[in-house]
Amino acid sequence: MGVSNKNAHNNIQPKGNKKDLKKPLQVLHISKKDTQEIQNEQTNSQEEIKKENIVIKPQILEDESAKEIEESDENTKSFHSPQQNLNRPLNFSDQSTDFQLERTVDEFDFDESAFLEALNANEPIGAKGETISGKVIAIESDGLYVDIGGKAPGYMPKKECGLGVITNFKEKFSIGLEMEVLVIKEQNADGMVTVSARALILRQSWEKVSFSAKNGELINVLINGFNRGGLTCDVDGLRGFIPRSQLENGKDHQSFVGKTLKVAFLEVNPESRKLVLSEKKASLVSKLTSLELGQLIEGEVLAVKPYGFFIDLGGASGLLHQSSLTNGSIRSLREIFREGEIVKALISEIDLEKGRIGLNTALLENSAGELIIDKQKVMQEATERAIKTKALFDKKEQDR
């Protein structure tokens, strides 16, 4: 048997040296004395750095350019150390060097009127579609130049100088000739616009025929061509067309070439350049011009429509609208007039442009609905009753 040792648990020692176990405790423990020594060392090191900074003087540049800078600037001698340069703020009033300050717009002389005048002088002249008066200043083989008051003259190609072919170009357009032109193309990179005398003539022609059509005027035209659909003619430089259906006799329409016809305007459209004329309408307008507002006419009922009656006036037809038929209430138009019946009515409207005549029978009534009750009496007394209404139409004519 072995002998037990009561102190065996006390004899058990941990691995490693006993000395090593106590050493970390000594490293972690910092005494107050040690802390005081560390702070003293840091303070001494900072003072040494300050002394070094004060003692160290800036290195004098031996370069000749540096010497010239030092000689030219006397104020730099007052800076004895870098520390002084850092602590002392710069004062530009102490230095003799002149600084060039940037000038602002307000310090310059500014003339608003001169500025606006300069803008107007450079403003583009000649917007597309504008009419301008100018003077010929140069003539070339393919066109001419017109002074229009801009920074550059206007150029007019030869084909834009007039209607048709111009044979004596240089004789017709001499230097200094004043003329009115139309701008057809705006400024190019050189500030030059393209102008046209031809386009201006055509514009004026469209304005003229539009006015004539509105007033129901009749014109004489010379037939210069034909096609399967009708005849062609010239109207103030515009190409006019007369359909075969608008001729009094369109069977042999080729025979009209070289002849003069009296026509009226049927359609005038400058945008589509459409100018349609009519010989038949000219005959109608000729009849219409002989008519007057308030005039009593007699005609045959040609047709009954849902909105009124068409009355034959001998080569022209008038419309007796249901609103102008009677002042009474009606159930059907046919209970008053029928096709083929002779009717007396007053002319209440004459539209020469559309070739339309408006008629009225309600003004012949002495009481509302009289035409429905006693139509025969109204028709028999129509002449006397028309005289009473004449003053009404005279006043209407004066107000137009």
Protein backbone atom coordinates (compact mmCIF):
# COMPACT_ATOMS: atom_id res chain seq x y z
CA MET A 1 0.00 0.00 0.00
CA GLY A 2 1.19 3.36 -0.61
CA VAL A 3 1.44 6.05 1.95
CA SER A 4 -1.02 8.87 1.57
CA ASN A 5 0.19 12.33 1.61
CA LYS A 6 -2.20 14.85 3.17
CA ASN A 7 -0.41 17.77 1.66
CA ALA A 8 -0.53 16.31 -1.83
CA HIS A 9 -3.16 18.87 -3.06
CA ASN A 10 -1.02 21.69 -1.76
CA ASN A 11 1.98 20.40 -3.65
CA ILE A 12 0.16 20.57 -7.04
CA GLN A 13 1.59 23.48 -9.00
CA PRO A 14 0.26 24.98 -12.25
CA LYS A 15 2.30 24.61 -15.41
CA GLY A 16 4.70 27.36 -16.14
CA ASN A 17 6.97 29.42 -13.98
CA LYS A 18 5.59 31.13 -10.91
CA LYS A 19 7.62 34.18 -11.80
CA ASP A 20 5.93 34.44 -15.19
CA LEU A 21 2.46 34.48 -13.71
CA LYS A 22 3.15 37.59 -11.61
CA LYS A 23 4.83 39.57 -14.40
CA PRO A 24 1.68 40.76 -16.27
CA LEU A 25 0.38 42.28 -13.06
CA GLN A 26 3.51 44.38 -12.80
CA VAL A 27 3.15 45.59 -16.43
CA LEU A 28 -0.49 46.59 -16.05
CA HIS A 29 0.20 48.52 -12.84
CA ILE A 30 1.23 52.14 -13.53
CA SER A 31 2.17 54.16 -10.57
CA LYS A 32 1.41 57.85 -10.14
CA LYS A 33 5.08 58.54 -10.24
CA ASP A 34 5.44 56.97 -13.67
CA THR A 35 2.51 59.05 -15.05
CA GLN A 36 4.12 62.23 -13.81
CA GLU A 37 7.37 61.36 -15.55
CA ILE A 38 5.60 60.71 -18.91
CA GLN A 39 3.81 64.07 -18.81
CA ASN A 40 7.07 65.87 -18.02
CA GLU A 41 8.78 64.20 -20.95
CA GLN A 42 5.96 65.31 -23.37
CA THR A 43 6.13 68.90 -22.09
CA ASN A 44 9.91 69.02 -22.52
CA SER A 45 9.67 67.68 -26.07
CA GLN A 46 7.08 70.34 -27.08
CA GLU A 47 9.24 73.13 -25.65
CA GLU A 48 12.24 71.84 -27.57
CA ILE A 49 10.18 71.88 -30.82
CA LYS A 50 9.11 75.48 -30.13
CA LYS A 51 12.69 76.54 -29.51
CA GLU A 52 13.79 74.87 -32.69
CA ASN A 53 11.05 76.69 -34.65
CA ILE A 54 12.09 80.03 -33.18
CA VAL A 55 15.76 79.47 -33.74
CA ILE A 56 15.38 78.17 -37.29
CA LYS A 57 15.43 81.05 -39.73
CA PRO A 58 14.10 80.84 -43.30
CA GLN A 59 16.76 79.82 -45.72
CA ILE A 60 17.97 82.74 -47.80
CA LEU A 61 17.61 81.94 -51.50
CA GLU A 62 20.74 82.54 -53.39
CA ASP A 63 18.83 82.70 -56.64
CA GLU A 64 19.14 86.09 -58.35
CA SER A 65 15.39 86.26 -59.08
CA ALA A 66 14.63 85.88 -55.38
CA LYS A 67 17.05 88.72 -54.54
CA GLU A 68 15.34 90.98 -57.03
CA ILE A 69 11.97 90.23 -55.47
CA GLU A 70 13.33 91.06 -51.98
CA GLU A 71 14.87 94.34 -53.19
CA SER A 72 11.69 95.44 -55.01
CA ASP A 73 9.41 94.74 -52.06
CA GLU A 74 10.72 96.69 -49.04
CA ASN A 75 7.83 95.66 -46.83
CA THR A 76 8.87 92.01 -46.86
CA LYS A 77 11.84 92.91 -44.65
CA SER A 78 9.46 93.52 -41.76
CA PHE A 79 8.58 89.81 -41.65
CA HIS A 80 11.35 88.35 -39.40
CA SER A 81 10.13 84.79 -39.01
CA PRO A 82 7.58 82.31 -40.36
CA GLN A 83 5.82 82.44 -36.99
CA GLN A 84 5.25 86.18 -37.44
CA ASN A 85 3.95 85.63 -40.94
CA LEU A 86 1.36 83.20 -39.64
CA ASN A 87 0.20 85.29 -36.69
CA ARG A 88 0.06 88.71 -38.33
CA PRO A 89 -2.85 89.36 -40.78
CA LEU A 90 -2.02 90.82 -44.19
CA ASN A 91 -2.75 94.52 -44.59
CA PHE A 92 -2.80 95.55 -48.23
CA SER A 93 -2.76 99.24 -47.29
CA ASP A 94 0.74 98.83 -45.84
CA GLN A 95 2.13 97.52 -49.10
CA SER A 96 3.23 99.73 -51.95
CA THR A 97 2.27 97.17 -54.59
CA ASP A 98 -0.77 98.27 -56.66
CA PHE A 99 -3.42 95.60 -57.10
CA GLN A 100 -5.62 95.71 -60.23
CA LEU A 101 -9.20 95.16 -59.13
CA GLU A 102 -11.79 93.82 -61.60
CA ARG A 103 -14.32 96.45 -62.67
CA THR A 104 -18.01 95.73 -62.53
CA VAL A 105 -20.62 96.52 -65.20
CA ASP A 106 -22.06 99.35 -63.13
CA GLU A 107 -18.72 101.21 -63.21
CA PHE A 108 -18.77 101.48 -67.02
CA ASP A 109 -20.62 104.26 -68.80
CA PHE A 110 -23.94 102.72 -70.03
CA ASP A 111 -26.28 104.42 -72.50
CA GLU A 112 -29.58 102.55 -72.76
CA SER A 113 -30.81 104.47 -75.80
CA ALA A 114 -27.58 103.72 -77.67
CA PHE A 115 -27.92 100.06 -76.74
CA LEU A 116 -31.50 99.86 -78.05
CA GLU A 117 -30.47 101.70 -81.21
CA ALA A 118 -27.73 99.14 -81.80
CA LEU A 119 -30.23 96.32 -81.35
CA ASN A 120 -32.63 97.88 -83.84
CA ALA A 121 -29.81 98.37 -86.33
CA ASN A 122 -29.03 94.66 -86.23
CA GLU A 123 -32.65 93.52 -86.16
CA PRO A 124 -33.45 91.25 -89.14
CA ILE A 125 -35.40 93.02 -91.88
CA GLY A 126 -37.75 91.04 -94.06
CA ALA A 127 -39.94 88.36 -92.51
CA LYS A 128 -41.46 85.85 -94.90
CA GLY A 129 -44.62 87.27 -96.45
CA GLU A 130 -43.68 90.89 -95.72
CA THR A 131 -43.99 93.58 -98.40
CA ILE A 132 -40.98 95.92 -98.62
CA SER A 133 -40.06 98.86 -100.83
CA GLY A 134 -36.52 98.83 -102.21
CA LYS A 135 -34.15 100.05 -104.88
CA VAL A 136 -32.18 98.05 -107.45
CA ILE A 137 -28.44 98.32 -106.68
CA ALA A 138 -26.89 95.56 -108.81
CA ILE A 139 -27.87 93.41 -111.80
CA GLU A 140 -26.49 89.95 -112.56
CA SER A 141 -27.23 87.51 -115.36
CA ASP A 142 -29.33 85.28 -113.09
CA GLY A 143 -31.04 87.96 -110.99
CA LEU A 144 -30.66 91.30 -109.27
CA TYR A 145 -30.01 92.81 -105.83
CA VAL A 146 -32.44 95.16 -104.11
CA ASP A 147 -31.54 97.45 -101.21
CA ILE A 148 -34.32 96.91 -98.64
CA GLY A 149 -32.69 98.79 -95.75
CA GLY A 150 -31.16 95.77 -94.01
CA LYS A 151 -27.55 94.90 -93.27
CA ALA A 152 -27.56 92.93 -96.53
CA PRO A 153 -29.51 93.50 -99.78
CA GLY A 154 -32.35 91.29 -100.92
CA TYR A 155 -31.74 88.92 -103.81
CA MET A 156 -34.34 88.47 -106.55
CA PRO A 157 -33.87 85.52 -108.95
CA LYS A 158 -34.63 86.25 -112.59
CA LYS A 159 -37.74 84.05 -112.60
CA GLU A 160 -39.18 86.09 -109.71
CA CYS A 161 -38.80 89.45 -111.45
CA GLY A 162 -42.23 89.35 -113.11
CA LEU A 163 -44.94 87.29 -114.77
CA GLY A 164 -44.10 85.30 -117.86
CA VAL A 165 -40.78 85.34 -119.71
CA ILE A 166 -38.74 88.55 -119.46
CA THR A 167 -36.69 89.06 -122.64
CA ASN A 168 -35.25 92.56 -122.08
CA PHE A 169 -34.12 91.90 -118.51
CA LYS A 170 -31.40 94.57 -118.14
CA GLU A 171 -33.47 97.18 -119.94
CA LYS A 172 -36.52 96.66 -117.75
CA PHE A 173 -34.56 96.73 -114.47
CA SER A 174 -32.04 99.58 -114.28
CA ILE A 175 -29.83 100.64 -111.37
CA GLY A 176 -31.76 102.89 -108.99
CA LEU A 177 -35.18 101.59 -110.03
CA GLU A 178 -37.57 101.72 -107.08
CA MET A 179 -39.89 98.75 -106.71
CA GLU A 180 -42.08 96.92 -104.22
CA VAL A 181 -41.21 93.29 -103.48
CA LEU A 182 -42.45 90.40 -101.36
CA VAL A 183 -40.11 88.42 -99.08
CA ILE A 184 -40.42 84.74 -100.05
CA LYS A 185 -37.43 83.38 -98.10
CA GLU A 186 -36.00 84.63 -94.80
CA GLN A 187 -32.37 85.50 -94.06
CA ASN A 188 -29.57 83.08 -94.79
CA ALA A 189 -26.24 82.89 -92.92
CA ASP A 190 -25.10 86.12 -94.62
CA GLY A 191 -28.23 88.01 -93.58
CA MET A 192 -29.63 88.09 -97.12
CA VAL A 193 -33.32 87.50 -97.89
CA THR A 194 -34.89 86.31 -101.15
CA VAL A 195 -37.51 88.66 -102.59
CA SER A 196 -39.97 88.44 -105.46
CA ALA A 197 -41.91 90.88 -107.60
CA ARG A 198 -43.84 88.03 -109.22
CA ALA A 199 -45.18 86.70 -105.91
CA LEU A 200 -46.34 90.20 -104.94
CA ILE A 201 -48.22 90.60 -108.25
CA LEU A 202 -49.94 87.24 -107.75
CA ARG A 203 -50.91 88.09 -104.17
CA GLN A 204 -52.43 91.36 -105.31
CA SER A 205 -54.27 89.49 -108.09
CA TRP A 206 -55.83 87.06 -105.58
CA GLU A 207 -56.93 89.97 -103.41
CA LYS A 208 -58.48 91.65 -106.43
CA VAL A 209 -60.46 88.62 -107.68
CA SER A 210 -61.61 87.82 -104.11
CA PHE A 211 -63.04 91.33 -103.83
CA SER A 212 -64.69 91.04 -107.27
CA ALA A 213 -66.24 87.67 -106.40
CA LYS A 214 -67.62 88.98 -103.12
CA ASN A 215 -69.35 91.84 -104.92
CA GLY A 216 -70.69 89.61 -107.70
CA GLU A 217 -68.75 91.36 -110.44
CA LEU A 218 -68.60 89.98 -113.96
CA ILE A 219 -65.39 89.94 -116.03
CA ASN A 220 -64.45 89.27 -119.63
CA VAL A 221 -61.75 86.65 -120.20
CA LEU A 222 -59.84 85.47 -123.25
CA ILE A 223 -59.92 81.68 -123.65
CA ASN A 224 -56.35 80.46 -124.24
CA GLY A 225 -56.72 76.68 -123.94
CA PHE A 226 -58.97 73.71 -123.36
CA ASN A 227 -58.95 70.16 -122.00
CA ARG A 228 -61.46 67.39 -121.63
CA GLY A 229 -63.06 69.06 -118.60
CA GLY A 230 -63.40 72.62 -119.89
CA LEU A 231 -61.61 75.82 -120.87
CA THR A 232 -58.63 77.72 -119.45
CA CYS A 233 -58.03 81.47 -119.35
CA ASP A 234 -55.85 84.12 -117.72
CA VAL A 235 -57.22 86.44 -115.00
CA ASP A 236 -54.69 89.09 -113.89
CA GLY A 237 -51.85 86.57 -114.13
CA LEU A 238 -53.87 83.78 -112.48
CA ARG A 239 -54.94 80.62 -114.28
CA GLY A 240 -58.72 80.37 -114.42
CA PHE A 241 -60.79 77.33 -115.34
CA ILE A 242 -64.32 77.17 -116.80
CA PRO A 243 -65.93 73.70 -116.52
CA ARG A 244 -67.95 72.50 -119.52
CA SER A 245 -71.03 72.27 -117.28
CA GLN A 246 -70.77 76.02 -116.63
CA LEU A 247 -70.89 76.96 -120.32
CA GLU A 248 -74.12 78.00 -122.02
CA ASN A 249 -73.20 75.56 -124.79
CA GLY A 250 -70.52 73.08 -123.79
CA LYS A 251 -70.92 70.58 -126.61
CA ASP A 252 -68.21 72.08 -128.84
CA HIS A 253 -66.12 73.81 -126.16
CA GLN A 254 -62.88 73.66 -128.21
CA SER A 255 -64.34 76.27 -130.55
CA PHE A 256 -64.19 78.91 -127.76
CA VAL A 257 -60.37 79.09 -127.86
CA GLY A 258 -59.32 82.61 -128.85
CA LYS A 259 -62.75 84.05 -128.03
CA THR A 260 -63.84 86.30 -125.18
CA LEU A 261 -66.51 85.19 -122.70
CA LYS A 262 -68.31 87.04 -119.93
CA VAL A 263 -68.02 84.98 -116.75
CA ALA A 264 -68.70 85.19 -113.01
CA PHE A 265 -66.59 83.84 -110.16
CA LEU A 266 -67.75 80.41 -109.00
CA GLU A 267 -64.89 79.57 -106.60
CA VAL A 268 -61.91 81.63 -105.43
CA ASN A 269 -59.38 79.88 -103.16
CA PRO A 270 -55.92 81.51 -102.84
CA GLU A 271 -54.59 78.72 -100.59
CA SER A 272 -55.23 75.96 -103.11
CA ARG A 273 -54.79 78.38 -106.04
CA LYS A 274 -58.17 77.37 -107.35
CA LEU A 275 -60.03 79.84 -109.56
CA VAL A 276 -63.24 78.49 -111.12
CA LEU A 277 -65.42 80.63 -113.40
CA SER A 278 -68.89 80.23 -114.86
CA GLU A 279 -70.64 81.58 -117.93
CA LYS A 280 -74.04 80.39 -116.65
CA LYS A 281 -73.62 82.20 -113.37
CA ALA A 282 -72.72 85.35 -115.28
CA SER A 283 -76.10 85.17 -117.01
CA LEU A 284 -77.80 84.70 -113.65
CA VAL A 285 -75.91 87.57 -112.02
CA SER A 286 -76.84 89.78 -114.96
CA LYS A 287 -80.48 89.08 -114.17
CA LEU A 288 -79.92 89.58 -110.45
CA THR A 289 -78.40 93.01 -110.96
CA SER A 290 -81.67 94.13 -112.51
CA LEU A 291 -83.59 93.12 -109.38
CA GLU A 292 -84.17 95.19 -106.23
CA LEU A 293 -84.97 94.44 -102.61
CA GLY A 294 -88.71 94.70 -101.96
CA GLN A 295 -89.53 94.14 -105.61
CA LEU A 296 -92.63 92.01 -106.28
CA ILE A 297 -91.96 89.13 -108.67
CA GLU A 298 -94.13 86.41 -110.19
CA GLY A 299 -92.90 82.90 -110.93
CA GLU A 300 -93.71 79.23 -111.18
CA VAL A 301 -93.04 76.75 -108.39
CA LEU A 302 -90.30 74.47 -109.70
CA ALA A 303 -89.84 72.20 -106.70
CA VAL A 304 -91.16 71.64 -103.18
CA LYS A 305 -88.48 70.83 -100.60
CA PRO A 306 -88.79 70.10 -96.86
CA TYR A 307 -87.42 73.59 -96.16
CA GLY A 308 -89.32 75.62 -98.79
CA PHE A 309 -90.12 76.26 -102.47
CA PHE A 310 -87.91 77.00 -105.50
CA ILE A 311 -89.53 79.61 -107.78
CA ASP A 312 -88.55 80.10 -111.42
CA LEU A 313 -87.86 83.78 -112.13
CA GLY A 314 -87.09 83.38 -115.83
CA GLY A 315 -83.52 82.10 -116.07
CA ALA A 316 -82.96 82.39 -112.32
CA SER A 317 -84.53 80.67 -109.35
CA GLY A 318 -85.47 82.08 -105.96
CA LEU A 319 -85.96 80.30 -102.65
CA LEU A 320 -89.13 80.86 -100.66
CA HIS A 321 -88.05 79.47 -97.29
CA GLN A 322 -90.67 78.09 -94.88
CA SER A 323 -89.68 80.72 -92.27
CA SER A 324 -90.65 83.47 -94.77
CA LEU A 325 -93.83 81.78 -96.02
CA THR A 326 -96.41 82.88 -93.43
CA ASN A 327 -96.71 84.24 -89.89
CA GLY A 328 -99.15 81.47 -89.04
CA SER A 329 -98.57 77.82 -88.16
CA ILE A 330 -98.57 75.28 -90.98
CA ARG A 331 -98.70 71.50 -90.96
CA SER A 332 -97.42 70.88 -94.50
CA LEU A 333 -95.94 73.10 -97.20
CA ARG A 334 -98.10 71.46 -99.84
CA GLU A 335 -101.26 72.79 -98.22
CA ILE A 336 -100.19 76.28 -99.42
CA PHE A 337 -98.39 75.86 -102.80
CA ARG A 338 -97.85 72.98 -105.19
CA GLU A 339 -95.46 72.39 -108.10
CA GLY A 340 -96.43 74.32 -111.25
CA GLU A 341 -98.49 76.90 -109.33
CA ILE A 342 -97.93 80.62 -110.05
CA VAL A 343 -96.78 82.56 -106.99
CA LYS A 344 -96.28 86.27 -106.24
CA ALA A 345 -93.57 87.10 -103.68
CA LEU A 346 -91.31 89.89 -102.48
CA ILE A 347 -87.53 89.80 -103.04
CA SER A 348 -86.05 89.87 -99.53
CA GLU A 349 -82.41 88.95 -100.29
CA ILE A 350 -79.99 89.24 -103.22
CA ASP A 351 -76.62 87.47 -102.88
CA LEU A 352 -74.58 88.19 -106.00
CA GLU A 353 -71.57 86.19 -104.80
CA LYS A 354 -73.59 82.98 -104.37
CA GLY A 355 -76.12 83.81 -107.07
CA ARG A 356 -78.98 83.39 -104.62
CA ILE A 357 -82.35 85.16 -104.34
CA GLY A 358 -84.46 85.05 -101.18
CA LEU A 359 -88.26 85.46 -101.41
CA ASN A 360 -90.95 86.34 -98.87
CA THR A 361 -94.78 86.05 -98.82
CA ALA A 362 -95.33 86.55 -95.06
CA LEU A 363 -94.88 90.33 -95.50
CA LEU A 364 -97.90 90.35 -97.84
CA GLU A 365 -100.22 89.18 -95.05
CA ASN A 366 -102.44 91.67 -93.19
CA SER A 367 -102.85 89.20 -90.33
CA ALA A 368 -100.96 86.13 -89.14
CA GLY A 369 -101.86 83.01 -91.16
CA GLU A 370 -103.90 84.94 -93.77
CA LEU A 371 -102.08 83.11 -96.58
CA ILE A 372 -103.36 79.80 -95.20
CA ILE A 373 -106.95 81.00 -94.74
CA ASP A 374 -107.39 83.09 -97.93
CA LYS A 375 -104.42 82.57 -100.27
CA GLN A 376 -106.29 83.86 -103.33
CA LYS A 377 -107.02 87.25 -101.73
CA VAL A 378 -103.39 87.72 -100.73
CA MET A 379 -102.20 86.97 -104.27
CA GLN A 380 -104.78 89.32 -105.85
CA GLU A 381 -103.87 92.24 -103.58
CA ALA A 382 -100.11 91.52 -103.67
CA THR A 383 -99.25 94.61 -105.78
CA GLU A 384 -100.97 97.06 -103.42
CA ARG A 385 -99.61 95.33 -100.35
CA ALA A 386 -96.04 95.38 -101.79
CA ILE A 387 -96.16 99.19 -101.97
CA LYS A 388 -96.79 99.36 -98.22
CA THR A 389 -93.71 97.24 -97.48
CA LYS A 390 -91.42 99.28 -99.78
CA ALA A 391 -90.43 101.65 -96.97
CA LEU A 392 -89.33 98.70 -94.87
CA PHE A 393 -86.87 97.50 -97.54
CA ASP A 394 -85.61 101.02 -98.23
CA LYS A 395 -84.64 101.33 -94.57
CA LYS A 396 -82.96 97.91 -94.70
CA GLU A 397 -80.97 98.98 -97.74
CA GLN A 398 -79.80 102.16 -95.98
CA ASP A 399 -78.63 100.19 -92.96
CA ARG A 400 -76.38 97.92 -95.07
